[in-house]
PDB file of N, CA and C in Angstrom:
ATOM      1  N   MET A   1     -31.787  20.324 -16.505  1.00  0.00           N
ATOM      2  CA  MET A   1     -31.938  20.283 -15.478  1.00  0.00           C
ATOM      3  C   MET A   1     -31.670  18.482 -14.971  1.00  0.00           C
ATOM      4  N   ARG A   2     -32.557  17.591 -15.738  1.00  0.00           N
ATOM      5  CA  ARG A   2     -33.041  16.178 -15.577  1.00  0.00           C
ATOM      6  C   ARG A   2     -32.328  15.523 -16.493  1.00  0.00           C
ATOM      7  N   VAL A   3     -31.317  16.046 -17.134  1.00  0.00           N
ATOM      8  CA  VAL A   3     -30.355  15.006 -16.928  1.00  0.00           C
ATOM      9  C   VAL A   3     -29.101  15.334 -17.238  1.00  0.00           C
ATOM     10  N   ALA A   4     -28.793  16.751 -16.334  1.00  0.00           N
ATOM     11  CA  ALA A   4     -27.830  16.181 -15.436  1.00  0.00           C
ATOM     12  C   ALA A   4     -28.289  15.595 -14.464  1.00  0.00           C
ATOM     13  N   LEU A   5     -29.294  15.550 -13.694  1.00  0.00           N
ATOM     14  CA  LEU A   5     -29.206  14.723 -12.806  1.00  0.00           C
ATOM     15  C   LEU A   5     -29.443  12.847 -12.908  1.00  0.00           C
ATOM     16  N   ILE A   6     -29.777  12.875 -14.024  1.00  0.00           N
ATOM     17  CA  ILE A   6     -29.855  11.495 -14.256  1.00  0.00           C
ATOM     18  C   ILE A   6     -27.946  11.256 -15.148  1.00  0.00           C
ATOM     19  N   LEU A   7     -26.946  12.085 -15.447  1.00  0.00           N
ATOM     20  CA  LEU A   7     -26.141  12.063 -15.650  1.00  0.00           C
ATOM     21  C   LEU A   7     -25.115  11.755 -14.338  1.00  0.00           C
ATOM     22  N   LEU A   8     -25.742  12.636 -13.386  1.00  0.00           N
ATOM     23  CA  LEU A   8     -24.807  12.463 -11.900  1.00  0.00           C
ATOM     24  C   LEU A   8     -25.173  10.907 -11.031  1.00  0.00           C
ATOM     25  N   LEU A   9     -26.460  10.830 -11.355  1.00  0.00           N
ATOM     26  CA  LEU A   9     -27.093   9.759 -10.511  1.00  0.00           C
ATOM     27  C   LEU A   9     -26.373   8.539 -11.298  1.00  0.00           C
ATOM     28  N   SER A  10     -25.889   8.781 -12.344  1.00  0.00           N
ATOM     29  CA  SER A  10     -25.331   6.839 -13.316  1.00  0.00           C
ATOM     30  C   SER A  10     -24.088   7.392 -12.850  1.00  0.00           C
ATOM     31  N   ALA A  11     -23.324   8.443 -12.911  1.00  0.00           N
ATOM     32  CA  ALA A  11     -21.962   8.401 -12.591  1.00  0.00           C
ATOM     33  C   ALA A  11     -21.697   7.862 -11.159  1.00  0.00           C
ATOM     34  N   TRP A  12     -22.579   7.922  -9.854  1.00  0.00           N
ATOM     35  CA  TRP A  12     -22.516   7.743  -9.019  1.00  0.00           C
ATOM     36  C   TRP A  12     -22.877   6.411  -8.783  1.00  0.00           C
ATOM     37  N   LEU A  13     -23.444   5.496  -9.539  1.00  0.00           N
ATOM     38  CA  LEU A  13     -23.645   4.532  -9.486  1.00  0.00           C
ATOM     39  C   LEU A  13     -23.012   3.357 -10.123  1.00  0.00           C
ATOM     40  N   MET A  14     -21.950   4.064 -11.209  1.00  0.00           N
ATOM     41  CA  MET A  14     -21.003   3.330 -11.468  1.00  0.00           C
ATOM     42  C   MET A  14     -20.160   3.600 -10.687  1.00  0.00           C
ATOM     43  N   GLY A  15     -19.776   4.549  -9.604  1.00  0.00           N
ATOM     44  CA  GLY A  15     -18.519   4.410  -8.826  1.00  0.00           C
ATOM     45  C   GLY A  15     -18.814   2.882  -7.742  1.00  0.00           C
ATOM     46  N   CYS A  16     -20.254   2.797  -7.679  1.00  0.00           N
ATOM     47  CA  CYS A  16     -20.231   1.457  -6.595  1.00  0.00           C
ATOM     48  C   CYS A  16     -19.959   0.529  -7.084  1.00  0.00           C
ATOM     49  N   ALA A  17     -20.489   0.266  -8.370  1.00  0.00           N
ATOM     50  CA  ALA A  17     -20.455  -0.925  -9.135  1.00  0.00           C
ATOM     51  C   ALA A  17     -18.570  -1.390  -9.424  1.00  0.00           C
ATOM     52  N   ALA A  18     -18.189  -0.410  -9.014  1.00  0.00           N
ATOM     53  CA  ALA A  18     -16.520  -0.631  -9.372  1.00  0.00           C
ATOM     54  C   ALA A  18     -15.545  -1.675  -8.438  1.00  0.00           C
ATOM     55  N   THR A  19     -15.093  -2.438  -8.823  1.00  0.00           N
ATOM     56  CA  THR A  19     -14.624  -3.559  -7.870  1.00  0.00           C
ATOM     57  C   THR A  19     -12.995  -3.473  -7.751  1.00  0.00           C
ATOM     58  N   SER A  20     -12.869  -3.706  -6.153  1.00  0.00           N
ATOM     59  CA  SER A  20     -11.171  -3.206  -5.660  1.00  0.00           C
ATOM     60  C   SER A  20     -10.594  -4.258  -6.274  1.00  0.00           C
ATOM     61  N   SER A  21      -9.157  -3.860  -6.335  1.00  0.00           N
ATOM     62  CA  SER A  21      -8.599  -5.254  -6.984  1.00  0.00           C
ATOM     63  C   SER A  21      -8.103  -6.224  -5.668  1.00  0.00           C
ATOM     64  N   ALA A  22      -7.754  -7.167  -5.831  1.00  0.00           N
ATOM     65  CA  ALA A  22      -7.502  -8.289  -4.513  1.00  0.00           C
ATOM     66  C   ALA A  22      -5.959  -8.004  -4.092  1.00  0.00           C
ATOM     67  N   PRO A  23      -5.843  -7.798  -2.775  1.00  0.00           N
ATOM     68  CA  PRO A  23      -4.837  -7.934  -1.668  1.00  0.00           C
ATOM     69  C   PRO A  23      -3.507  -8.529  -2.471  1.00  0.00           C
ATOM     70  N   VAL A  24      -2.456  -8.061  -2.213  1.00  0.00           N
ATOM     71  CA  VAL A  24      -1.617  -8.805  -2.810  1.00  0.00           C
ATOM     72  C   VAL A  24      -0.656  -9.466  -1.889  1.00  0.00           C
ATOM     73  N   PRO A  25      -0.776 -10.966  -1.779  1.00  0.00           N
ATOM     74  CA  PRO A  25      -0.035 -12.030  -0.760  1.00  0.00           C
ATOM     75  C   PRO A  25       1.552 -11.527  -0.790  1.00  0.00           C
ATOM     76  N   ARG A  26       2.066 -11.669   0.631  1.00  0.00           N
ATOM     77  CA  ARG A  26       3.339 -11.763   0.793  1.00  0.00           C
ATOM     78  C   ARG A  26       3.792 -12.841   1.588  1.00  0.00           C
ATOM     79  N   GLY A  27       4.319 -13.892   1.212  1.00  0.00           N
ATOM     80  CA  GLY A  27       5.110 -15.267   2.347  1.00  0.00           C
ATOM     81  C   GLY A  27       6.332 -15.421   2.734  1.00  0.00           C
ATOM     82  N   VAL A  28       6.420 -16.565   3.326  1.00  0.00           N
ATOM     83  CA  VAL A  28       7.521 -16.952   4.395  1.00  0.00           C
ATOM     84  C   VAL A  28       7.874 -18.033   3.901  1.00  0.00           C
ATOM     85  N   PRO A  29       8.792 -18.755   3.284  1.00  0.00           N
ATOM     86  CA  PRO A  29       9.051 -20.249   3.815  1.00  0.00           C
ATOM     87  C   PRO A  29       9.404 -20.414   5.458  1.00  0.00           C
ATOM     88  N   LEU A  30       8.757 -21.573   5.883  1.00  0.00           N
ATOM     89  CA  LEU A  30       9.359 -21.681   7.456  1.00  0.00           C
ATOM     90  C   LEU A  30       9.716 -23.097   7.544  1.00  0.00           C
ATOM     91  N   ALA A  31      10.753 -23.302   8.719  1.00  0.00           N
ATOM     92  CA  ALA A  31      10.998 -24.606   8.934  1.00  0.00           C
ATOM     93  C   ALA A  31      10.403 -25.007  10.011  1.00  0.00           C
ATOM     94  N   VAL A  32       9.406 -24.875  10.312  1.00  0.00           N
ATOM     95  CA  VAL A  32       8.923 -25.522  11.033  1.00  0.00           C
ATOM     96  C   VAL A  32       7.333 -26.273  10.785  1.00  0.00           C
ATOM     97  N   SER A  33       6.158 -27.557  11.118  1.00  0.00           N
ATOM     98  CA  SER A  33       5.027 -28.172  10.460  1.00  0.00           C
ATOM     99  C   SER A  33       4.166 -27.186  10.142  1.00  0.00           C
ATOM    100  N   SER A  34       3.321 -27.030   9.152  1.00  0.00           N
ATOM    101  CA  SER A  34       2.054 -26.516   8.938  1.00  0.00           C
ATOM    102  C   SER A  34       1.097 -26.139  10.407  1.00  0.00           C
ATOM    103  N   GLN A  35       1.073 -26.936  11.382  1.00  0.00           N
ATOM    104  CA  GLN A  35       0.327 -26.822  12.119  1.00  0.00           C
ATOM    105  C   GLN A  35       1.063 -26.255  13.430  1.00  0.00           C
ATOM    106  N   VAL A  36       2.459 -26.368  14.153  1.00  0.00           N
ATOM    107  CA  VAL A  36       3.007 -25.136  14.260  1.00  0.00           C
ATOM    108  C   VAL A  36       2.962 -23.666  13.939  1.00  0.00           C
ATOM    109  N   ALA A  37       3.184 -23.500  12.469  1.00  0.00           N
ATOM    110  CA  ALA A  37       2.871 -22.426  12.139  1.00  0.00           C
ATOM    111  C   ALA A  37       1.908 -21.481  12.405  1.00  0.00           C
ATOM    112  N   GLN A  38       0.451 -22.343  12.168  1.00  0.00           N
ATOM    113  CA  GLN A  38      -1.086 -21.816  12.257  1.00  0.00           C
ATOM    114  C   GLN A  38      -0.585 -21.252  13.452  1.00  0.00           C
ATOM    115  N   ALA A  39      -0.477 -21.832  14.464  1.00  0.00           N
ATOM    116  CA  ALA A  39      -0.702 -22.072  16.085  1.00  0.00           C
ATOM    117  C   ALA A  39       0.118 -20.607  16.049  1.00  0.00           C
ATOM    118  N   ALA A  40       1.456 -20.830  15.581  1.00  0.00           N
ATOM    119  CA  ALA A  40       1.814 -18.942  16.275  1.00  0.00           C
ATOM    120  C   ALA A  40       1.540 -17.804  15.117  1.00  0.00           C
ATOM    121  N   VAL A  41       1.007 -18.336  14.443  1.00  0.00           N
ATOM    122  CA  VAL A  41       0.279 -17.011  13.709  1.00  0.00           C
ATOM    123  C   VAL A  41      -0.890 -16.583  14.226  1.00  0.00           C
ATOM    124  N   LEU A  42      -1.855 -17.171  14.871  1.00  0.00           N
ATOM    125  CA  LEU A  42      -2.779 -17.510  15.362  1.00  0.00           C
ATOM    126  C   LEU A  42      -2.796 -16.326  16.749  1.00  0.00           C
ATOM    127  N   ASP A  43      -1.759 -17.161  17.450  1.00  0.00           N
ATOM    128  CA  ASP A  43      -1.179 -16.209  18.590  1.00  0.00           C
ATOM    129  C   ASP A  43      -0.396 -14.958  18.301  1.00  0.00           C
ATOM    130  N   LEU A  44      -0.014 -14.799  17.205  1.00  0.00           N
ATOM    131  CA  LEU A  44       1.010 -13.520  17.144  1.00  0.00           C
ATOM    132  C   LEU A  44      -0.552 -12.649  16.618  1.00  0.00           C
ATOM    133  N   LEU A  45      -1.203 -12.986  15.631  1.00  0.00           N
ATOM    134  CA  LEU A  45      -2.091 -11.853  15.893  1.00  0.00           C
ATOM    135  C   LEU A  45      -3.028 -11.227  16.730  1.00  0.00           C
ATOM    136  N   ALA A  46      -3.385 -12.468  17.589  1.00  0.00           N
ATOM    137  CA  ALA A  46      -4.217 -12.232  18.888  1.00  0.00           C
ATOM    138  C   ALA A  46      -3.308 -11.304  19.701  1.00  0.00           C
ATOM    139  N   GLU A  47      -2.117 -11.785  19.990  1.00  0.00           N
ATOM    140  CA  GLU A  47      -1.455 -11.168  20.894  1.00  0.00           C
ATOM    141  C   GLU A  47      -1.173  -9.194  20.096  1.00  0.00           C
ATOM    142  N   ARG A  48      -1.005  -9.530  18.872  1.00  0.00           N
ATOM    143  CA  ARG A  48      -1.200  -8.232  18.616  1.00  0.00           C
ATOM    144  C   ARG A  48      -2.728  -7.311  18.356  1.00  0.00           C
ATOM    145  N   GLY A  49      -3.170  -7.880  18.781  1.00  0.00           N
ATOM    146  CA  GLY A  49      -4.766  -7.241  19.017  1.00  0.00           C
ATOM    147  C   GLY A  49      -5.961  -7.385  17.928  1.00  0.00           C
ATOM    148  N   TYR A  50      -5.584  -8.230  16.847  1.00  0.00           N
ATOM    149  CA  TYR A  50      -6.285  -8.296  15.904  1.00  0.00           C
ATOM    150  C   TYR A  50      -7.987  -9.796  16.764  1.00  0.00           C
ATOM    151  N   VAL A  51      -8.846  -9.679  16.002  1.00  0.00           N
ATOM    152  CA  VAL A  51      -9.966 -10.709  16.854  1.00  0.00           C
ATOM    153  C   VAL A  51     -10.221 -11.450  15.428  1.00  0.00           C
ATOM    154  N   ILE A  52      -9.734 -13.066  15.797  1.00  0.00           N
ATOM    155  CA  ILE A  52      -9.582 -13.645  14.604  1.00  0.00           C
ATOM    156  C   ILE A  52     -11.344 -14.181  14.653  1.00  0.00           C
ATOM    157  N   ARG A  53     -11.261 -13.898  13.104  1.00  0.00           N
ATOM    158  CA  ARG A  53     -12.598 -14.045  12.804  1.00  0.00           C
ATOM    159  C   ARG A  53     -13.053 -15.534  12.361  1.00  0.00           C
ATOM    160  N   HIS A  54     -12.171 -16.366  12.027  1.00  0.00           N
ATOM    161  CA  HIS A  54     -12.033 -17.704  11.802  1.00  0.00           C
ATOM    162  C   HIS A  54     -11.030 -18.159  11.212  1.00  0.00           C
ATOM    163  N   ALA A  55     -10.676 -19.682  11.561  1.00  0.00           N
ATOM    164  CA  ALA A  55      -9.684 -19.960  11.649  1.00  0.00           C
ATOM    165  C   ALA A  55      -9.795 -21.378  11.357  1.00  0.00           C
ATOM    166  N   ASP A  56      -9.480 -22.176  10.166  1.00  0.00           N
ATOM    167  CA  ASP A  56      -9.496 -23.537   9.795  1.00  0.00           C
ATOM    168  C   ASP A  56      -8.558 -24.138   9.731  1.00  0.00           C
ATOM    169  N   ALA A  57      -8.115 -25.468  10.399  1.00  0.00           N
ATOM    170  CA  ALA A  57      -6.768 -25.838  10.335  1.00  0.00           C
ATOM    171  C   ALA A  57      -6.792 -26.679   9.263  1.00  0.00           C
ATOM    172  N   GLU A  58      -7.757 -27.509   8.624  1.00  0.00           N
ATOM    173  CA  GLU A  58      -7.757 -28.385   7.652  1.00  0.00           C
ATOM    174  C   GLU A  58      -7.606 -27.316   6.319  1.00  0.00           C
ATOM    175  N   LEU A  59      -8.060 -26.263   6.126  1.00  0.00           N
ATOM    176  CA  LEU A  59      -7.617 -25.541   5.182  1.00  0.00           C
ATOM    177  C   LEU A  59      -6.224 -24.816   5.683  1.00  0.00           C
ATOM    178  N   GLY A  60      -5.759 -24.546   6.624  1.00  0.00           N
ATOM    179  CA  GLY A  60      -4.465 -23.777   6.913  1.00  0.00           C
ATOM    180  C   GLY A  60      -5.103 -22.229   6.927  1.00  0.00           C
ATOM    181  N   ARG A  61      -6.090 -21.753   6.721  1.00  0.00           N
ATOM    182  CA  ARG A  61      -6.735 -20.540   6.613  1.00  0.00           C
ATOM    183  C   ARG A  61      -6.628 -19.722   7.948  1.00  0.00           C
ATOM    184  N   VAL A  62      -6.540 -18.433   8.134  1.00  0.00           N
ATOM    185  CA  VAL A  62      -6.763 -17.628   9.319  1.00  0.00           C
ATOM    186  C   VAL A  62      -7.375 -16.025   8.658  1.00  0.00           C
ATOM    187  N   ASP A  63      -8.490 -15.920   9.405  1.00  0.00           N
ATOM    188  CA  ASP A  63      -8.891 -14.643   8.859  1.00  0.00           C
ATOM    189  C   ASP A  63      -8.956 -13.455  10.264  1.00  0.00           C
ATOM    190  N   ALA A  64      -8.370 -12.624  10.398  1.00  0.00           N
ATOM    191  CA  ALA A  64      -8.636 -11.609  11.376  1.00  0.00           C
ATOM    192  C   ALA A  64      -9.091 -10.469  11.156  1.00  0.00           C
ATOM    193  N   VAL A  65      -9.456  -9.835  11.919  1.00  0.00           N
ATOM    194  CA  VAL A  65      -9.874  -7.941  11.819  1.00  0.00           C
ATOM    195  C   VAL A  65      -9.303  -7.295  12.804  1.00  0.00           C
ATOM    196  N   LEU A  66      -8.823  -5.952  12.845  1.00  0.00           N
ATOM    197  CA  LEU A  66      -8.254  -5.032  13.727  1.00  0.00           C
ATOM    198  C   LEU A  66      -9.467  -3.815  13.819  1.00  0.00           C
ATOM    199  N   ALA A  67     -10.021  -3.897  15.091  1.00  0.00           N
ATOM    200  CA  ALA A  67     -11.355  -2.948  15.307  1.00  0.00           C
ATOM    201  C   ALA A  67     -10.855  -1.956  15.537  1.00  0.00           C
ATOM    202  N   ARG A  68     -10.060  -0.955  14.681  1.00  0.00           N
ATOM    203  CA  ARG A  68      -9.720   0.240  14.493  1.00  0.00           C
ATOM    204  C   ARG A  68     -10.051   0.824  13.389  1.00  0.00           C
ATOM    205  N   TRP A  69     -10.376   2.232  13.054  1.00  0.00           N
ATOM    206  CA  TRP A  69     -10.805   2.792  12.656  1.00  0.00           C
ATOM    207  C   TRP A  69      -9.400   3.272  11.412  1.00  0.00           C
ATOM    208  N   PRO A  70      -9.686   2.884  10.082  1.00  0.00           N
ATOM    209  CA  PRO A  70     -10.554   2.644   8.858  1.00  0.00           C
ATOM    210  C   PRO A  70     -10.502   0.733   9.172  1.00  0.00           C
ATOM    211  N   GLY A  71     -10.111  -0.082   9.769  1.00  0.00           N
ATOM    212  CA  GLY A  71     -10.503  -1.013   9.642  1.00  0.00           C
ATOM    213  C   GLY A  71      -9.620  -1.937   8.988  1.00  0.00           C
ATOM    214  N   TYR A  72      -9.173  -2.771   9.453  1.00  0.00           N
ATOM    215  CA  TYR A  72      -8.006  -4.026   8.974  1.00  0.00           C
ATOM    216  C   TYR A  72      -8.171  -5.621   8.708  1.00  0.00           C
ATOM    217  N   ARG A  73      -7.974  -5.950   7.904  1.00  0.00           N
ATOM    218  CA  ARG A  73      -8.518  -7.370   7.358  1.00  0.00           C
ATOM    219  C   ARG A  73      -7.092  -8.310   6.627  1.00  0.00           C
ATOM    220  N   VAL A  74      -6.984  -9.223   7.851  1.00  0.00           N
ATOM    221  CA  VAL A  74      -5.475 -10.210   7.655  1.00  0.00           C
ATOM    222  C   VAL A  74      -5.993 -11.352   7.594  1.00  0.00           C
ATOM    223  N   ARG A  75      -5.751 -11.788   6.156  1.00  0.00           N
ATOM    224  CA  ARG A  75      -5.448 -13.187   5.770  1.00  0.00           C
ATOM    225  C   ARG A  75      -4.996 -13.929   5.820  1.00  0.00           C
ATOM    226  N   ALA A  76      -3.761 -15.118   6.447  1.00  0.00           N
ATOM    227  CA  ALA A  76      -3.469 -16.018   6.445  1.00  0.00           C
ATOM    228  C   ALA A  76      -3.392 -17.088   6.301  1.00  0.00           C
ATOM    229  N   THR A  77      -2.604 -17.573   5.071  1.00  0.00           N
ATOM    230  CA  THR A  77      -2.545 -19.146   4.611  1.00  0.00           C
ATOM    231  C   THR A  77      -1.221 -19.476   5.196  1.00  0.00           C
ATOM    232  N   VAL A  78      -1.555 -21.146   5.832  1.00  0.00           N
ATOM    233  CA  VAL A  78      -0.397 -21.510   6.433  1.00  0.00           C
ATOM    234  C   VAL A  78      -0.508 -23.232   5.415  1.00  0.00           C
ATOM    235  N   THR A  79       0.647 -23.536   4.349  1.00  0.00           N
ATOM    236  CA  THR A  79       0.267 -24.658   3.963  1.00  0.00           C
ATOM    237  C   THR A  79       1.691 -25.264   4.093  1.00  0.00           C
ATOM    238  N   PRO A  80       1.439 -26.818   3.874  1.00  0.00           N
ATOM    239  CA  PRO A  80       2.763 -27.263   3.698  1.00  0.00           C
ATOM    240  C   PRO A  80       3.596 -27.391   2.780  1.00  0.00           C
ATOM    241  N   ASP A  81       5.108 -27.134   2.569  1.00  0.00           N
ATOM    242  CA  ASP A  81       6.303 -26.940   1.868  1.00  0.00           C
ATOM    243  C   ASP A  81       7.807 -27.755   2.004  1.00  0.00           C
ATOM    244  N   GLY A  82       7.551 -28.617   1.353  1.00  0.00           N
ATOM    245  CA  GLY A  82       8.817 -29.657   1.358  1.00  0.00           C
ATOM    246  C   GLY A  82       8.821 -30.143   2.887  1.00  0.00           C
ATOM    247  N   SER A  83       9.539 -30.336   3.860  1.00  0.00           N
ATOM    248  CA  SER A  83       9.826 -30.701   5.166  1.00  0.00           C
ATOM    249  C   SER A  83       9.351 -29.451   6.193  1.00  0.00           C
ATOM    250  N   GLY A  84       8.976 -28.148   5.804  1.00  0.00           N
ATOM    251  CA  GLY A  84       8.585 -27.371   6.366  1.00  0.00           C
ATOM    252  C   GLY A  84       7.073 -26.539   6.172  1.00  0.00           C
ATOM    253  N   SER A  85       6.473 -25.256   6.523  1.00  0.00           N
ATOM    254  CA  SER A  85       5.931 -24.853   5.916  1.00  0.00           C
ATOM    255  C   SER A  85       5.996 -23.029   5.389  1.00  0.00           C
ATOM    256  N   ARG A  86       4.913 -22.917   4.748  1.00  0.00           N
ATOM    257  CA  ARG A  86       4.790 -21.744   3.921  1.00  0.00           C
ATOM    258  C   ARG A  86       3.618 -20.774   4.796  1.00  0.00           C
ATOM    259  N   ALA A  87       3.950 -19.475   4.991  1.00  0.00           N
ATOM    260  CA  ALA A  87       2.916 -18.589   5.419  1.00  0.00           C
ATOM    261  C   ALA A  87       2.740 -17.537   4.325  1.00  0.00           C
ATOM    262  N   THR A  88       1.707 -17.408   4.315  1.00  0.00           N
ATOM    263  CA  THR A  88       1.148 -15.993   3.375  1.00  0.00           C
ATOM    264  C   THR A  88       0.342 -15.111   4.127  1.00  0.00           C
ATOM    265  N   LEU A  89       0.503 -14.050   3.977  1.00  0.00           N
ATOM    266  CA  LEU A  89      -0.070 -12.824   4.585  1.00  0.00           C
ATOM    267  C   LEU A  89      -0.828 -11.971   3.541  1.00  0.00           C
ATOM    268  N   SER A  90      -1.834 -11.821   3.496  1.00  0.00           N
ATOM    269  CA  SER A  90      -2.467 -10.143   2.619  1.00  0.00           C
ATOM    270  C   SER A  90      -3.300  -9.395   3.755  1.00  0.00           C
ATOM    271  N   ALA A  91      -3.583  -8.233   3.352  1.00  0.00           N
ATOM    272  CA  ALA A  91      -4.136  -7.911   4.381  1.00  0.00           C
ATOM    273  C   ALA A  91      -5.015  -6.303   3.210  1.00  0.00           C
ATOM    274  N   THR A  92      -6.277  -5.973   3.779  1.00  0.00           N
ATOM    275  CA  THR A  92      -6.800  -4.733   3.330  1.00  0.00           C
ATOM    276  C   THR A  92      -6.748  -4.155   4.665  1.00  0.00           C
ATOM    277  N   TRP A  93      -7.364  -2.537   4.323  1.00  0.00           N
ATOM    278  CA  TRP A  93      -7.101  -1.266   4.767  1.00  0.00           C
ATOM    279  C   TRP A  93      -8.234  -0.420   4.837  1.00  0.00           C
ATOM    280  N   GLY A  94      -9.488  -0.647   5.225  1.00  0.00           N
ATOM    281  CA  GLY A  94     -10.360   0.637   5.017  1.00  0.00           C
ATOM    282  C   GLY A  94     -10.972  -0.294   3.573  1.00  0.00           C
ATOM    283  N   GLY A  95     -10.831  -1.412   3.638  1.00  0.00           N
ATOM    284  CA  GLY A  95     -11.321  -2.063   1.985  1.00  0.00           C
ATOM    285  C   GLY A  95     -10.442  -1.989   0.716  1.00  0.00           C
ATOM    286  N   ARG A  96      -9.619  -1.386   1.455  1.00  0.00           N
ATOM    287  CA  ARG A  96      -8.330  -1.481  -0.035  1.00  0.00           C
ATOM    288  C   ARG A  96      -7.247  -2.528   0.126  1.00  0.00           C
ATOM    289  N   PRO A  97      -6.979  -2.512  -0.521  1.00  0.00           N
ATOM    290  CA  PRO A  97      -5.283  -3.886  -0.808  1.00  0.00           C
ATOM    291  C   PRO A  97      -4.673  -3.089   0.107  1.00  0.00           C
ATOM    292  N   LEU A  98      -3.812  -3.663   0.861  1.00  0.00           N
ATOM    293  CA  LEU A  98      -2.660  -2.766   1.560  1.00  0.00           C
ATOM    294  C   LEU A  98      -1.487  -3.234   1.211  1.00  0.00           C
ATOM    295  N   PRO A  99      -0.809  -2.843   1.061  1.00  0.00           N
ATOM    296  CA  PRO A  99       1.004  -2.439   0.436  1.00  0.00           C
ATOM    297  C   PRO A  99       1.154  -4.283   0.782  1.00  0.00           C
ATOM    298  N   PRO A 100       1.694  -4.981  -0.393  1.00  0.00           N
ATOM    299  CA  PRO A 100       2.194  -6.501   0.508  1.00  0.00           C
ATOM    300  C   PRO A 100       3.797  -5.993   1.209  1.00  0.00           C
ATOM    301  N   ASP A 101       4.233  -5.154   1.412  1.00  0.00           N
ATOM    302  CA  ASP A 101       5.338  -4.722   1.889  1.00  0.00           C
ATOM    303  C   ASP A 101       5.211  -4.410   3.599  1.00  0.00           C
ATOM    304  N   ARG A 102       3.912  -3.725   4.028  1.00  0.00           N
ATOM    305  CA  ARG A 102       3.448  -3.538   5.113  1.00  0.00           C
ATOM    306  C   ARG A 102       3.067  -4.251   5.793  1.00  0.00           C
ATOM    307  N   LEU A 103       3.412  -5.698   5.200  1.00  0.00           N
ATOM    308  CA  LEU A 103       3.313  -7.049   6.080  1.00  0.00           C
ATOM    309  C   LEU A 103       4.265  -7.598   6.578  1.00  0.00           C
ATOM    310  N   ASP A 104       5.580  -6.989   6.330  1.00  0.00           N
ATOM    311  CA  ASP A 104       7.231  -7.201   6.447  1.00  0.00           C
ATOM    312  C   ASP A 104       7.114  -7.661   8.019  1.00  0.00           C
ATOM    313  N   PRO A 105       7.025  -6.759   8.943  1.00  0.00           N
ATOM    314  CA  PRO A 105       7.118  -6.532   9.980  1.00  0.00           C
ATOM    315  C   PRO A 105       6.514  -7.682  10.630  1.00  0.00           C
ATOM    316  N   LEU A 106       4.779  -8.206  10.649  1.00  0.00           N
ATOM    317  CA  LEU A 106       4.138  -9.196  11.168  1.00  0.00           C
ATOM    318  C   LEU A 106       5.607 -10.462  10.762  1.00  0.00           C
ATOM    319  N   LEU A 107       5.613 -10.372   9.221  1.00  0.00           N
ATOM    320  CA  LEU A 107       6.158 -12.016   8.940  1.00  0.00           C
ATOM    321  C   LEU A 107       7.569 -12.490   9.857  1.00  0.00           C
ATOM    322  N   SER A 108       8.325 -10.882   9.738  1.00  0.00           N
ATOM    323  CA  SER A 108       9.500 -11.005  10.700  1.00  0.00           C
ATOM    324  C   SER A 108       9.501 -11.579  11.844  1.00  0.00           C
ATOM    325  N   GLU A 109       8.581 -11.074  12.734  1.00  0.00           N
ATOM    326  CA  GLU A 109       8.529 -11.168  14.005  1.00  0.00           C
ATOM    327  C   GLU A 109       7.558 -12.763  13.917  1.00  0.00           C
ATOM    328  N   LEU A 110       6.668 -13.251  13.004  1.00  0.00           N
ATOM    329  CA  LEU A 110       6.694 -14.850  12.919  1.00  0.00           C
ATOM    330  C   LEU A 110       7.618 -15.927  12.711  1.00  0.00           C
ATOM    331  N   GLU A 111       8.587 -15.125  12.121  1.00  0.00           N
ATOM    332  CA  GLU A 111      10.231 -15.974  12.062  1.00  0.00           C
ATOM    333  C   GLU A 111      10.712 -16.237  12.994  1.00  0.00           C
ATOM    334  N   ALA A 112      11.272 -14.895  13.662  1.00  0.00           N
ATOM    335  CA  ALA A 112      11.930 -14.655  15.000  1.00  0.00           C
ATOM    336  C   ALA A 112      11.029 -15.609  15.897  1.00  0.00           C
ATOM    337  N   ARG A 113       9.791 -15.972  16.095  1.00  0.00           N
ATOM    338  CA  ARG A 113       9.111 -16.710  17.197  1.00  0.00           C
ATOM    339  C   ARG A 113       9.639 -18.122  16.895  1.00  0.00           C
ATOM    340  N   LEU A 114       9.110 -18.361  15.087  1.00  0.00           N
ATOM    341  CA  LEU A 114       9.808 -19.658  15.255  1.00  0.00           C
ATOM    342  C   LEU A 114      11.051 -20.339  15.566  1.00  0.00           C
ATOM    343  N   ALA A 115      11.762 -19.502  15.145  1.00  0.00           N
ATOM    344  CA  ALA A 115      13.222 -19.559  15.045  1.00  0.00           C
ATOM    345  C   ALA A 115      13.854 -19.677  17.051  1.00  0.00           C
ATOM    346  N   ALA A 116      12.997 -19.069  17.387  1.00  0.00           N
ATOM    347  CA  ALA A 116      13.173 -18.794  19.157  1.00  0.00           C
ATOM    348  C   ALA A 116      12.828 -20.526  19.615  1.00  0.00           C
ATOM    349  N   GLU A 117      11.891 -21.137  18.980  1.00  0.00           N
ATOM    350  CA  GLU A 117      11.270 -22.384  19.761  1.00  0.00           C
ATOM    351  C   GLU A 117      12.274 -23.983  19.670  1.00  0.00           C
ATOM    352  N   PRO A 118      11.935 -24.317  20.849  1.00  0.00           N
ATOM    353  CA  PRO A 118      13.180 -25.742  20.886  1.00  0.00           C
ATOM    354  C   PRO A 118      12.645 -26.418  19.361  1.00  0.00           C
TER     355      PRO A 118
END
């Protein structure tokens, strides 16, 4: 009985020590400056109901969460890319990486918004 309890406890603790893999980013090139792109990312996420937890213009990074079970976290990175910029999104859902293709609607909407701007 004692050995079984020790084995069960050990197996349980090993499960806690396992790390999940990092989310795979999904990116898109944009024909606007990185400042304009980052502002558009902030607006898009806020309008979708995400709470902006951290935004750093120098790093070009935005961290946002959606307070809905099981919890979504999105990290957006905007970097200069030639004459434009590149927006990259990655996300987790309930602490697990979200498949990158699930970010396509956000990226498509971002592209559409920036294409519509004068």
